Amino acid sequence: MDVLYFLKHSAFDDLELRYSLRSIERHMPWVRRVVVFGDRPEWLAGPESGIFHVPDEAIAWIGPYRTPVANTFLMFYLTALLPELDEEYIFFSDDFVLLRDLTPDEAQRNRYLQDLATLDSRGTGLWKDSLWRTHDLLKRLGYGTLNYETHTPAWFRKQWVLDAYRDLRDFVTEDRWQGPMSITAILSHVQKHHPRPLVHLETEGSRVGFYGKPPAYDEIVSLASAADARFLNYDDSAFGPDLQRFLARRFPHPCRYERPETPASPTGAIIDTVSVPVS
């Protein structure tokens, strides 16, 4: 089974991806290969190390779609056409970090965040507007009302993606925020046609998340040490000094997905090699 990333360069020189990859090497040793679609960090290793980079231009011509590709549903569709990617894969983002060992069975759990039909408020902002447009569309088309945007690794099959794109492509656009939100749309399609047991993320208690502001170091350590914590996720606003310090301690050494000649931590990163016990 492979791992797939969609990557756009970050404001932190792609430091987030370094730590995410290091966590995969440590906690998912069964992964066959990693495929990075989109931008390519200078420090990324090559196929001989089990990691493949595919630029947008390599496959976007089939649309033809504008590059860089901005819409994630299109990214899922295009990568489902890549021979480099296995039929089954785990989707990651650069801000997903594993905190514990993850077995293939655990990685394949069908996690959801909430049932949108039970919420009273829709909130505001581009992301929430996109989520609710997706909800309204899927409900009208006879799909479920669950939100699968868990910000945790998610299991996909190429055929699931292609089937969902076939049935929903009239609504897919090249704009990042328009059209159905990819993960919720695709997994809702899967759940309708190939039902699987559902796992409520909050009940499972497997994700530690930080959003909106940088968390304090002690808070990070405390939450990440919880017995059920498997996944760490954060947004750009939370990726402050203490979170970088925690990740530098947790994953101090380069992994095989990084070029050997690159430094363990890029310029400007917080370097701290004190080890943190892991289970």
C-alpha atoms as a PDB file:
ATOM      1  CA  MET A   1       0.000   0.000   0.000  1.00  0.00           C
ATOM      2  CA  ASP A   2       1.265   3.492  -0.869  1.00  0.00           C
ATOM      3  CA  VAL A   3       1.007   6.957   0.652  1.00  0.00           C
ATOM      4  CA  LEU A   4      -0.105   9.958  -1.427  1.00  0.00           C
ATOM      5  CA  TYR A   5       0.521  13.642  -0.737  1.00  0.00           C
ATOM      6  CA  PHE A   6      -0.717  16.747  -2.539  1.00  0.00           C
ATOM      7  CA  LEU A   7       1.934  19.403  -1.977  1.00  0.00           C
ATOM      8  CA  LYS A   8       2.076  23.170  -2.420  1.00  0.00           C
ATOM      9  CA  HIS A   9       5.210  24.804  -1.015  1.00  0.00           C
ATOM     10  CA  SER A  10       4.714  26.106   2.518  1.00  0.00           C
ATOM     11  CA  ALA A  11       5.906  29.277   4.198  1.00  0.00           C
ATOM     12  CA  PHE A  12       8.184  27.111   6.356  1.00  0.00           C
ATOM     13  CA  ASP A  13      10.309  25.663   3.524  1.00  0.00           C
ATOM     14  CA  ASP A  14       8.204  22.496   3.603  1.00  0.00           C
ATOM     15  CA  LEU A  15       9.379  21.657   7.099  1.00  0.00           C
ATOM     16  CA  GLU A  16       5.920  20.231   7.801  1.00  0.00           C
ATOM     17  CA  LEU A  17       6.426  17.583   5.124  1.00  0.00           C
ATOM     18  CA  ARG A  18       9.775  16.553   6.621  1.00  0.00           C
ATOM     19  CA  TYR A  19       8.180  15.712   9.952  1.00  0.00           C
ATOM     20  CA  SER A  20       5.199  14.012   8.337  1.00  0.00           C
ATOM     21  CA  LEU A  21       7.501  11.780   6.276  1.00  0.00           C
ATOM     22  CA  ARG A  22       9.663  10.991   9.297  1.00  0.00           C
ATOM     23  CA  SER A  23       6.564   9.901  11.167  1.00  0.00           C
ATOM     24  CA  ILE A  24       5.575   7.614   8.281  1.00  0.00           C
ATOM     25  CA  GLU A  25       8.982   5.944   8.206  1.00  0.00           C
ATOM     26  CA  ARG A  26       8.841   5.357  11.971  1.00  0.00           C
ATOM     27  CA  HIS A  27       5.208   4.396  12.429  1.00  0.00           C
ATOM     28  CA  MET A  28       4.161   2.876   9.057  1.00  0.00           C
ATOM     29  CA  PRO A  29       7.119   0.689   8.036  1.00  0.00           C
ATOM     30  CA  TRP A  30       4.791  -1.422   5.878  1.00  0.00           C
ATOM     31  CA  VAL A  31       4.316   1.379   3.308  1.00  0.00           C
ATOM     32  CA  ARG A  32       5.510   0.366  -0.148  1.00  0.00           C
ATOM     33  CA  ARG A  33       6.241   3.842  -1.520  1.00  0.00           C
ATOM     34  CA  VAL A  34       5.309   7.511  -1.181  1.00  0.00           C
ATOM     35  CA  VAL A  35       4.023   9.632  -4.076  1.00  0.00           C
ATOM     36  CA  VAL A  36       4.160  13.441  -3.861  1.00  0.00           C
ATOM     37  CA  PHE A  37       1.961  15.229  -6.411  1.00  0.00           C
ATOM     38  CA  GLY A  38       2.522  18.939  -7.046  1.00  0.00           C
ATOM     39  CA  ASP A  39       5.528  20.918  -5.837  1.00  0.00           C
ATOM     40  CA  ARG A  40       8.882  19.326  -5.106  1.00  0.00           C
ATOM     41  CA  PRO A  41      11.053  20.319  -2.133  1.00  0.00           C
ATOM     42  CA  GLU A  42      14.739  20.575  -2.984  1.00  0.00           C
ATOM     43  CA  TRP A  43      15.583  18.124  -0.210  1.00  0.00           C
ATOM     44  CA  LEU A  44      13.243  15.369  -1.412  1.00  0.00           C
ATOM     45  CA  ALA A  45      14.951  12.062  -2.220  1.00  0.00           C
ATOM     46  CA  GLY A  46      14.227  10.076  -5.388  1.00  0.00           C
ATOM     47  CA  PRO A  47      12.616   6.786  -6.440  1.00  0.00           C
ATOM     48  CA  GLU A  48      15.623   4.807  -5.250  1.00  0.00           C
ATOM     49  CA  SER A  49      14.565   5.810  -1.719  1.00  0.00           C
ATOM     50  CA  GLY A  50      10.942   4.815  -2.215  1.00  0.00           C
ATOM     51  CA  ILE A  51       9.525   8.279  -2.880  1.00  0.00           C
ATOM     52  CA  PHE A  52       8.226   9.535  -6.248  1.00  0.00           C
ATOM     53  CA  HIS A  53       7.536  13.134  -7.220  1.00  0.00           C
ATOM     54  CA  VAL A  54       4.970  13.843  -9.944  1.00  0.00           C
ATOM     55  CA  PRO A  55       4.579  17.490 -11.039  1.00  0.00           C
ATOM     56  CA  ASP A  56       1.143  18.802 -11.996  1.00  0.00           C
ATOM     57  CA  GLU A  57       2.243  19.194 -15.618  1.00  0.00           C
ATOM     58  CA  ALA A  58       2.949  15.478 -15.966  1.00  0.00           C
ATOM     59  CA  ILE A  59      -0.761  14.579 -15.984  1.00  0.00           C
ATOM     60  CA  ALA A  60      -2.843  17.804 -15.998  1.00  0.00           C
ATOM     61  CA  TRP A  61      -2.647  17.915 -19.818  1.00  0.00           C
ATOM     62  CA  ILE A  62      -5.189  15.099 -19.953  1.00  0.00           C
ATOM     63  CA  GLY A  63      -7.987  17.550 -18.999  1.00  0.00           C
ATOM     64  CA  PRO A  64      -6.540  19.774 -20.185  1.00  0.00           C
ATOM     65  CA  TYR A  65      -6.397  21.546 -16.809  1.00  0.00           C
ATOM     66  CA  ARG A  66      -4.582  24.685 -15.772  1.00  0.00           C
ATOM     67  CA  THR A  67      -1.413  24.270 -13.761  1.00  0.00           C
ATOM     68  CA  PRO A  68      -0.769  24.376 -10.949  1.00  0.00           C
ATOM     69  CA  VAL A  69      -3.892  22.320 -10.268  1.00  0.00           C
ATOM     70  CA  ALA A  70      -5.804  23.989  -7.424  1.00  0.00           C
ATOM     71  CA  ASN A  71      -8.893  21.826  -6.906  1.00  0.00           C
ATOM     72  CA  THR A  72      -8.314  18.752  -4.749  1.00  0.00           C
ATOM     73  CA  PHE A  73     -11.070  16.689  -6.416  1.00  0.00           C
ATOM     74  CA  LEU A  74      -9.163  17.105  -9.685  1.00  0.00           C
ATOM     75  CA  MET A  75      -5.952  16.154  -7.869  1.00  0.00           C
ATOM     76  CA  PHE A  76      -7.575  12.933  -6.659  1.00  0.00           C
ATOM     77  CA  TYR A  77      -8.838  12.191 -10.176  1.00  0.00           C
ATOM     78  CA  LEU A  78      -5.493  12.890 -11.860  1.00  0.00           C
ATOM     79  CA  THR A  79      -3.442  10.881  -9.365  1.00  0.00           C
ATOM     80  CA  ALA A  80      -5.833   7.947  -9.785  1.00  0.00           C
ATOM     81  CA  LEU A  81      -4.478   7.776 -13.362  1.00  0.00           C
ATOM     82  CA  LEU A  82      -0.829   7.546 -12.304  1.00  0.00           C
ATOM     83  CA  PRO A  83       0.950   4.200 -12.793  1.00  0.00           C
ATOM     84  CA  GLU A  84       3.358   5.162  -9.990  1.00  0.00           C
ATOM     85  CA  LEU A  85       0.537   4.941  -7.431  1.00  0.00           C
ATOM     86  CA  ASP A  86      -0.766   1.634  -6.086  1.00  0.00           C
ATOM     87  CA  GLU A  87      -4.455   0.753  -6.425  1.00  0.00           C
ATOM     88  CA  GLU A  88      -4.803   1.151  -2.641  1.00  0.00           C
ATOM     89  CA  TYR A  89      -3.213   4.048  -0.806  1.00  0.00           C
ATOM     90  CA  ILE A  90      -3.379   6.217   2.290  1.00  0.00           C
ATOM     91  CA  PHE A  91      -3.901   9.910   1.658  1.00  0.00           C
ATOM     92  CA  PHE A  92      -1.766  12.256   3.779  1.00  0.00           C
ATOM     93  CA  SER A  93      -1.291  16.006   4.026  1.00  0.00           C
ATOM     94  CA  ASP A  94       1.982  17.608   5.058  1.00  0.00           C
ATOM     95  CA  ASP A  95       0.336  18.713   8.312  1.00  0.00           C
ATOM     96  CA  PHE A  96      -0.604  15.130   9.258  1.00  0.00           C
ATOM     97  CA  VAL A  97       1.853  13.557  11.712  1.00  0.00           C
ATOM     98  CA  LEU A  98       1.672  10.082  13.228  1.00  0.00           C
ATOM     99  CA  LEU A  99       2.181   9.816  16.984  1.00  0.00           C
ATOM    100  CA  ARG A 100       2.036   6.025  17.336  1.00  0.00           C
ATOM    101  CA  ASP A 101       2.485   2.926  15.194  1.00  0.00           C
ATOM    102  CA  LEU A 102      -0.346   2.520  12.696  1.00  0.00           C
ATOM    103  CA  THR A 103      -1.269  -0.884  11.282  1.00  0.00           C
ATOM    104  CA  PRO A 104      -2.828  -1.288   7.829  1.00  0.00           C
ATOM    105  CA  ASP A 105      -6.149  -2.214   9.454  1.00  0.00           C
ATOM    106  CA  GLU A 106      -6.095   0.948  11.590  1.00  0.00           C
ATOM    107  CA  ALA A 107      -5.177   3.063   8.577  1.00  0.00           C
ATOM    108  CA  GLN A 108      -8.171   1.698   6.660  1.00  0.00           C
ATOM    109  CA  ARG A 109     -10.785   2.674   9.231  1.00  0.00           C
ATOM    110  CA  ASN A 110     -13.665   4.692   7.795  1.00  0.00           C
ATOM    111  CA  ARG A 111     -13.428   7.799   9.998  1.00  0.00           C
ATOM    112  CA  TYR A 112     -15.849  10.705   9.938  1.00  0.00           C
ATOM    113  CA  LEU A 113     -15.961  13.943  11.881  1.00  0.00           C
ATOM    114  CA  GLN A 114     -19.691  14.620  12.331  1.00  0.00           C
ATOM    115  CA  ASP A 115     -23.136  14.360  10.795  1.00  0.00           C
ATOM    116  CA  LEU A 116     -23.731  17.774   9.251  1.00  0.00           C
ATOM    117  CA  ALA A 117     -27.500  17.247   9.368  1.00  0.00           C
ATOM    118  CA  THR A 118     -27.357  17.511  13.178  1.00  0.00           C
ATOM    119  CA  LEU A 119     -25.629  20.930  13.303  1.00  0.00           C
ATOM    120  CA  ASP A 120     -27.529  24.152  13.930  1.00  0.00           C
ATOM    121  CA  SER A 121     -24.934  26.596  12.601  1.00  0.00           C
ATOM    122  CA  ARG A 122     -23.074  26.561   9.304  1.00  0.00           C
ATOM    123  CA  GLY A 123     -20.361  29.021  10.299  1.00  0.00           C
ATOM    124  CA  THR A 124     -18.551  31.327   7.892  1.00  0.00           C
ATOM    125  CA  GLY A 125     -15.452  31.343   5.718  1.00  0.00           C
ATOM    126  CA  LEU A 126     -14.359  29.806   2.415  1.00  0.00           C
ATOM    127  CA  TRP A 127     -13.699  26.352   3.859  1.00  0.00           C
ATOM    128  CA  LYS A 128     -17.049  26.068   5.647  1.00  0.00           C
ATOM    129  CA  ASP A 129     -18.928  27.515   2.679  1.00  0.00           C
ATOM    130  CA  SER A 130     -17.359  24.826   0.496  1.00  0.00           C
ATOM    131  CA  LEU A 131     -18.212  22.112   3.013  1.00  0.00           C
ATOM    132  CA  TRP A 132     -21.849  23.137   3.207  1.00  0.00           C
ATOM    133  CA  ARG A 133     -22.220  23.452  -0.562  1.00  0.00           C
ATOM    134  CA  THR A 134     -20.900  19.892  -0.703  1.00  0.00           C
ATOM    135  CA  HIS A 135     -23.427  18.794   1.915  1.00  0.00           C
ATOM    136  CA  ASP A 136     -26.328  20.403   0.061  1.00  0.00           C
ATOM    137  CA  LEU A 137     -25.279  18.896  -3.268  1.00  0.00           C
ATOM    138  CA  LEU A 138     -24.720  15.392  -1.926  1.00  0.00           C
ATOM    139  CA  LYS A 139     -27.979  15.435   0.002  1.00  0.00           C
ATOM    140  CA  ARG A 140     -29.863  16.501  -3.128  1.00  0.00           C
ATOM    141  CA  LEU A 141     -28.234  13.659  -5.073  1.00  0.00           C
ATOM    142  CA  GLY A 142     -29.170  11.060  -2.471  1.00  0.00           C
ATOM    143  CA  TYR A 143     -25.864  10.670  -0.617  1.00  0.00           C
ATOM    144  CA  GLY A 144     -25.250  10.789   3.130  1.00  0.00           C
ATOM    145  CA  THR A 145     -24.677  13.861   5.284  1.00  0.00           C
ATOM    146  CA  LEU A 146     -21.451  12.886   7.055  1.00  0.00           C
ATOM    147  CA  ASN A 147     -18.387  15.121   7.112  1.00  0.00           C
ATOM    148  CA  TYR A 148     -15.293  13.073   6.268  1.00  0.00           C
ATOM    149  CA  GLU A 149     -12.864  16.008   6.519  1.00  0.00           C
ATOM    150  CA  THR A 150     -11.185  14.512   9.585  1.00  0.00           C
ATOM    151  CA  HIS A 151      -7.672  15.850   8.882  1.00  0.00           C
ATOM    152  CA  THR A 152      -6.315  12.373   9.501  1.00  0.00           C
ATOM    153  CA  PRO A 153      -4.854   9.810   7.067  1.00  0.00           C
ATOM    154  CA  ALA A 154      -7.593   8.270   4.920  1.00  0.00           C
ATOM    155  CA  TRP A 155      -7.767   5.078   2.864  1.00  0.00           C
ATOM    156  CA  PHE A 156      -8.625   5.296  -0.831  1.00  0.00           C
ATOM    157  CA  ARG A 157      -8.755   3.043  -3.834  1.00  0.00           C
ATOM    158  CA  LYS A 158      -8.162   4.382  -7.332  1.00  0.00           C
ATOM    159  CA  GLN A 159     -11.391   2.831  -8.572  1.00  0.00           C
ATOM    160  CA  TRP A 160     -13.382   4.560  -5.834  1.00  0.00           C
ATOM    161  CA  VAL A 161     -11.987   7.908  -6.942  1.00  0.00           C
ATOM    162  CA  LEU A 162     -12.679   7.251 -10.623  1.00  0.00           C
ATOM    163  CA  ASP A 163     -16.231   6.087  -9.913  1.00  0.00           C
ATOM    164  CA  ALA A 164     -16.931   9.189  -7.806  1.00  0.00           C
ATOM    165  CA  TYR A 165     -15.467  11.465 -10.464  1.00  0.00           C
ATOM    166  CA  ARG A 166     -17.555   9.763 -13.160  1.00  0.00           C
ATOM    167  CA  ASP A 167     -20.776  10.407 -11.246  1.00  0.00           C
ATOM    168  CA  LEU A 168     -19.939  13.889  -9.915  1.00  0.00           C
ATOM    169  CA  ARG A 169     -17.747  15.407 -12.636  1.00  0.00           C
ATOM    170  CA  ASP A 170     -20.489  17.763 -13.825  1.00  0.00           C
ATOM    171  CA  PHE A 171     -20.027  19.603 -10.508  1.00  0.00           C
ATOM    172  CA  VAL A 172     -16.211  19.537 -10.318  1.00  0.00           C
ATOM    173  CA  THR A 173     -14.435  22.797 -11.175  1.00  0.00           C
ATOM    174  CA  GLU A 174     -10.835  23.980 -11.423  1.00  0.00           C
ATOM    175  CA  ASP A 175     -11.370  26.521  -8.650  1.00  0.00           C
ATOM    176  CA  ARG A 176     -10.023  25.512  -5.253  1.00  0.00           C
ATOM    177  CA  TRP A 177     -13.174  26.360  -3.318  1.00  0.00           C
ATOM    178  CA  GLN A 178     -15.964  25.637  -5.801  1.00  0.00           C
ATOM    179  CA  GLY A 179     -17.525  22.296  -6.529  1.00  0.00           C
ATOM    180  CA  PRO A 180     -17.814  19.352  -4.117  1.00  0.00           C
ATOM    181  CA  MET A 181     -15.191  19.052  -1.383  1.00  0.00           C
ATOM    182  CA  SER A 182     -13.107  16.095  -2.474  1.00  0.00           C
ATOM    183  CA  ILE A 183     -12.692  13.814   0.538  1.00  0.00           C
ATOM    184  CA  THR A 184     -16.278  14.146   1.752  1.00  0.00           C
ATOM    185  CA  ALA A 185     -17.670  13.757  -1.769  1.00  0.00           C
ATOM    186  CA  ILE A 186     -15.567  10.721  -2.665  1.00  0.00           C
ATOM    187  CA  LEU A 187     -16.037   8.898   0.650  1.00  0.00           C
ATOM    188  CA  SER A 188     -19.777   9.665   0.638  1.00  0.00           C
ATOM    189  CA  HIS A 189     -19.925   8.076  -2.803  1.00  0.00           C
ATOM    190  CA  VAL A 190     -18.000   5.057  -1.507  1.00  0.00           C
ATOM    191  CA  GLN A 191     -20.274   4.726   1.513  1.00  0.00           C
ATOM    192  CA  LYS A 192     -23.374   4.722  -0.674  1.00  0.00           C
ATOM    193  CA  HIS A 193     -22.105   2.076  -3.083  1.00  0.00           C
ATOM    194  CA  HIS A 194     -19.711   0.083  -0.883  1.00  0.00           C
ATOM    195  CA  PRO A 195     -20.859   0.575   2.754  1.00  0.00           C
ATOM    196  CA  ARG A 196     -18.238   0.076   5.452  1.00  0.00           C
ATOM    197  CA  PRO A 197     -18.366   0.329   9.260  1.00  0.00           C
ATOM    198  CA  LEU A 198     -18.093   3.936  10.417  1.00  0.00           C
ATOM    199  CA  VAL A 199     -15.715   5.263  13.076  1.00  0.00           C
ATOM    200  CA  HIS A 200     -16.579   8.550  14.792  1.00  0.00           C
ATOM    201  CA  LEU A 201     -13.292  10.427  15.203  1.00  0.00           C
ATOM    202  CA  GLU A 202     -14.211  12.129  18.472  1.00  0.00           C
ATOM    203  CA  THR A 203     -15.377   8.861  20.013  1.00  0.00           C
ATOM    204  CA  GLU A 204     -12.193   7.126  18.883  1.00  0.00           C
ATOM    205  CA  GLY A 205     -10.183   9.979  20.442  1.00  0.00           C
ATOM    206  CA  SER A 206      -7.295   9.429  18.054  1.00  0.00           C
ATOM    207  CA  ARG A 207      -6.585  12.975  16.837  1.00  0.00           C
ATOM    208  CA  VAL A 208      -4.769  15.834  18.544  1.00  0.00           C
ATOM    209  CA  GLY A 209      -5.375  19.110  16.714  1.00  0.00           C
ATOM    210  CA  PHE A 210      -4.162  22.698  17.065  1.00  0.00           C
ATOM    211  CA  TYR A 211      -5.714  25.532  15.105  1.00  0.00           C
ATOM    212  CA  GLY A 212      -5.848  29.317  15.078  1.00  0.00           C
ATOM    213  CA  LYS A 213      -2.914  30.054  17.404  1.00  0.00           C
ATOM    214  CA  PRO A 214       0.366  28.446  18.493  1.00  0.00           C
ATOM    215  CA  PRO A 215      -0.111  25.965  21.328  1.00  0.00           C
ATOM    216  CA  ALA A 216       2.137  25.861  24.402  1.00  0.00           C
ATOM    217  CA  TYR A 217       4.745  23.116  24.572  1.00  0.00           C
ATOM    218  CA  ASP A 218       3.381  21.503  27.744  1.00  0.00           C
ATOM    219  CA  GLU A 219      -0.093  21.346  26.211  1.00  0.00           C
ATOM    220  CA  ILE A 220       1.249  19.603  23.118  1.00  0.00           C
ATOM    221  CA  VAL A 221       3.172  17.036  25.159  1.00  0.00           C
ATOM    222  CA  SER A 222       0.205  16.373  27.422  1.00  0.00           C
ATOM    223  CA  LEU A 223      -2.314  15.810  24.616  1.00  0.00           C
ATOM    224  CA  ALA A 224       0.088  13.858  22.403  1.00  0.00           C
ATOM    225  CA  SER A 225       0.854  11.510  25.306  1.00  0.00           C
ATOM    226  CA  ALA A 226      -2.761  10.401  25.656  1.00  0.00           C
ATOM    227  CA  ALA A 227      -3.167   6.654  25.266  1.00  0.00           C
ATOM    228  CA  ASP A 228      -5.504   6.885  22.255  1.00  0.00           C
ATOM    229  CA  ALA A 229      -3.641   9.678  20.412  1.00  0.00           C
ATOM    230  CA  ARG A 230      -2.576   8.448  16.982  1.00  0.00           C
ATOM    231  CA  PHE A 231      -2.675  11.531  14.796  1.00  0.00           C
ATOM    232  CA  LEU A 232      -1.436  15.111  15.117  1.00  0.00           C
ATOM    233  CA  ASN A 233      -2.838  17.838  12.868  1.00  0.00           C
ATOM    234  CA  TYR A 234      -2.383  21.600  12.848  1.00  0.00           C
ATOM    235  CA  ASP A 235      -2.893  24.660  10.671  1.00  0.00           C
ATOM    236  CA  ASP A 236      -0.373  27.332   9.653  1.00  0.00           C
ATOM    237  CA  SER A 237      -1.332  29.581  12.562  1.00  0.00           C
ATOM    238  CA  ALA A 238      -0.550  26.820  15.070  1.00  0.00           C
ATOM    239  CA  PHE A 239       2.844  25.940  13.592  1.00  0.00           C
ATOM    240  CA  GLY A 240       4.742  28.116  16.054  1.00  0.00           C
ATOM    241  CA  PRO A 241       7.981  27.679  17.999  1.00  0.00           C
ATOM    242  CA  ASP A 242       6.660  25.232  20.579  1.00  0.00           C
ATOM    243  CA  LEU A 243       5.054  22.915  18.025  1.00  0.00           C
ATOM    244  CA  GLN A 244       8.220  22.985  15.914  1.00  0.00           C
ATOM    245  CA  ARG A 245      10.230  22.219  19.050  1.00  0.00           C
ATOM    246  CA  PHE A 246       7.989  19.263  19.860  1.00  0.00           C
ATOM    247  CA  LEU A 247       8.316  17.837  16.350  1.00  0.00           C
ATOM    248  CA  ALA A 248      12.095  18.401  16.292  1.00  0.00           C
ATOM    249  CA  ARG A 249      12.392  16.408  19.522  1.00  0.00           C
ATOM    250  CA  ARG A 250      10.014  13.700  18.357  1.00  0.00           C
ATOM    251  CA  PHE A 251      11.629  13.258  14.937  1.00  0.00           C
ATOM    252  CA  PRO A 252      15.207  14.608  15.165  1.00  0.00           C
ATOM    253  CA  HIS A 253      16.804  12.562  12.384  1.00  0.00           C
ATOM    254  CA  PRO A 254      16.356  12.664   8.593  1.00  0.00           C
ATOM    255  CA  CYS A 255      14.483   9.745   7.077  1.00  0.00           C
ATOM    256  CA  ARG A 256      15.081   7.828   3.871  1.00  0.00           C
ATOM    257  CA  TYR A 257      12.710  10.130   2.002  1.00  0.00           C
ATOM    258  CA  GLU A 258      15.132  13.044   2.485  1.00  0.00           C
ATOM    259  CA  ARG A 259      18.308  13.466   0.447  1.00  0.00           C
ATOM    260  CA  PRO A 260      21.350  12.457   2.555  1.00  0.00           C
ATOM    261  CA  GLU A 261      23.271  15.631   1.730  1.00  0.00           C
ATOM    262  CA  THR A 262      20.558  17.917   3.135  1.00  0.00           C
ATOM    263  CA  PRO A 263      20.755  19.058   6.767  1.00  0.00           C
ATOM    264  CA  ALA A 264      18.557  17.391   9.356  1.00  0.00           C
ATOM    265  CA  SER A 265      16.664  20.655   9.844  1.00  0.00           C
ATOM    266  CA  PRO A 266      16.419  23.488   7.296  1.00  0.00           C
ATOM    267  CA  THR A 267      17.630  27.021   7.946  1.00  0.00           C
ATOM    268  CA  GLY A 268      15.383  28.766  10.432  1.00  0.00           C
ATOM    269  CA  ALA A 269      13.999  25.586  11.982  1.00  0.00           C
ATOM    270  CA  ILE A 270      14.240  24.999  15.683  1.00  0.00           C
ATOM    271  CA  ILE A 271      16.903  22.326  16.232  1.00  0.00           C
ATOM    272  CA  ASP A 272      16.468  20.310  19.393  1.00  0.00           C
ATOM    273  CA  THR A 273      17.796  16.790  19.583  1.00  0.00           C
ATOM    274  CA  VAL A 274      16.540  15.889  23.049  1.00  0.00           C
ATOM    275  CA  SER A 275      14.601  12.662  22.601  1.00  0.00           C
ATOM    276  CA  VAL A 276      10.983  12.265  23.598  1.00  0.00           C
ATOM    277  CA  PRO A 277       9.792   8.772  24.578  1.00  0.00           C
ATOM    278  CA  VAL A 278       7.394   7.219  22.092  1.00  0.00           C
ATOM    279  CA  SER A 279       5.289   4.122  22.400  1.00  0.00           C
END
